């Protein structure tokens, strides 16, 4: 028997998903707004990824800096 996907929000980090989050931040979207999307993880998952994935943390920090410039 094959295991079926439970659906729901993604909880496994991928560089593509991290890039998508960072791009949305750079464009001025709030983290809360991003996390409210059905295809995005919860904020606590993103905060865990920031601790676990150095590249994502660096990209996230850069995206926040660019977001601040937008404002």
Protein backbone atom coordinates (compact mmCIF):
# COMPACT_ATOMS: atom_id res chain seq x y z
CA UNK A 1 0.00 0.00 0.00
CA UNK A 2 1.32 3.44 -0.86
CA UNK A 3 1.25 6.28 1.59
CA UNK A 4 -1.03 9.12 0.51
CA UNK A 5 -0.31 12.76 1.14
CA UNK A 6 -2.25 14.22 4.03
CA UNK A 7 -2.42 17.55 2.21
CA UNK A 8 -2.28 20.76 4.18
CA UNK A 9 0.57 23.21 4.46
CA UNK A 10 4.11 22.30 3.47
CA UNK A 11 6.43 21.60 6.38
CA UNK A 12 9.54 20.46 4.52
CA UNK A 13 11.97 23.14 3.49
CA UNK A 14 13.05 23.38 -0.14
CA UNK A 15 15.26 26.10 -1.62
CA UNK A 16 12.48 26.93 -4.08
CA UNK A 17 9.94 27.46 -1.29
CA UNK A 18 12.45 29.56 0.65
CA UNK A 19 13.11 31.68 -2.45
CA UNK A 20 9.37 32.18 -2.93
CA UNK A 21 8.94 33.38 0.66
CA UNK A 22 11.89 35.75 0.33
CA UNK A 23 10.65 37.14 -2.98
CA UNK A 24 7.27 37.90 -1.48
CA UNK A 25 8.91 39.63 1.49
CA UNK A 26 11.09 41.69 -0.85
CA UNK A 27 7.96 42.81 -2.69
CA UNK A 28 6.58 44.24 0.54
CA UNK A 29 4.28 41.43 1.65
CA UNK A 30 4.12 40.73 5.38
CA UNK A 31 5.12 37.37 6.80
CA UNK A 32 1.62 37.05 8.25
CA UNK A 33 0.09 37.54 4.81
CA UNK A 34 2.45 34.99 3.29
CA UNK A 35 1.67 32.44 5.98
CA UNK A 36 -2.07 32.92 5.46
CA UNK A 37 -1.69 31.44 1.96
CA UNK A 38 -2.77 27.80 1.83
CA UNK A 39 0.40 26.78 0.02
CA UNK A 40 2.73 28.31 2.63
CA UNK A 41 3.87 27.01 6.02
CA UNK A 42 2.96 28.55 9.35
CA UNK A 43 5.22 31.26 10.75
CA UNK A 44 6.58 28.94 13.46
CA UNK A 45 7.81 26.63 10.70
CA UNK A 46 9.55 29.52 8.96
CA UNK A 47 11.21 30.56 12.23
CA UNK A 48 12.43 26.97 12.69
CA UNK A 49 13.83 26.97 9.14
CA UNK A 50 15.70 30.19 9.94
CA UNK A 51 17.49 28.33 12.72
CA UNK A 52 18.11 25.19 10.66
CA UNK A 53 19.05 26.46 7.19
CA UNK A 54 21.88 29.01 6.98
CA UNK A 55 21.27 29.85 3.32
CA UNK A 56 17.58 30.51 3.97
CA UNK A 57 18.47 32.65 6.98
CA UNK A 58 20.86 34.75 4.88
CA UNK A 59 18.32 35.14 2.07
CA UNK A 60 15.55 35.98 4.55
CA UNK A 61 17.72 38.65 6.20
CA UNK A 62 18.52 40.16 2.79
CA UNK A 63 14.82 40.09 1.85
CA UNK A 64 13.90 41.90 5.07
CA UNK A 65 16.55 44.56 4.36
CA UNK A 66 15.16 45.06 0.86
CA UNK A 67 11.62 45.11 2.25
CA UNK A 68 12.64 47.91 4.62
CA UNK A 69 13.92 49.89 1.64
CA UNK A 70 10.51 49.44 0.00
CA UNK A 71 8.86 51.12 2.97
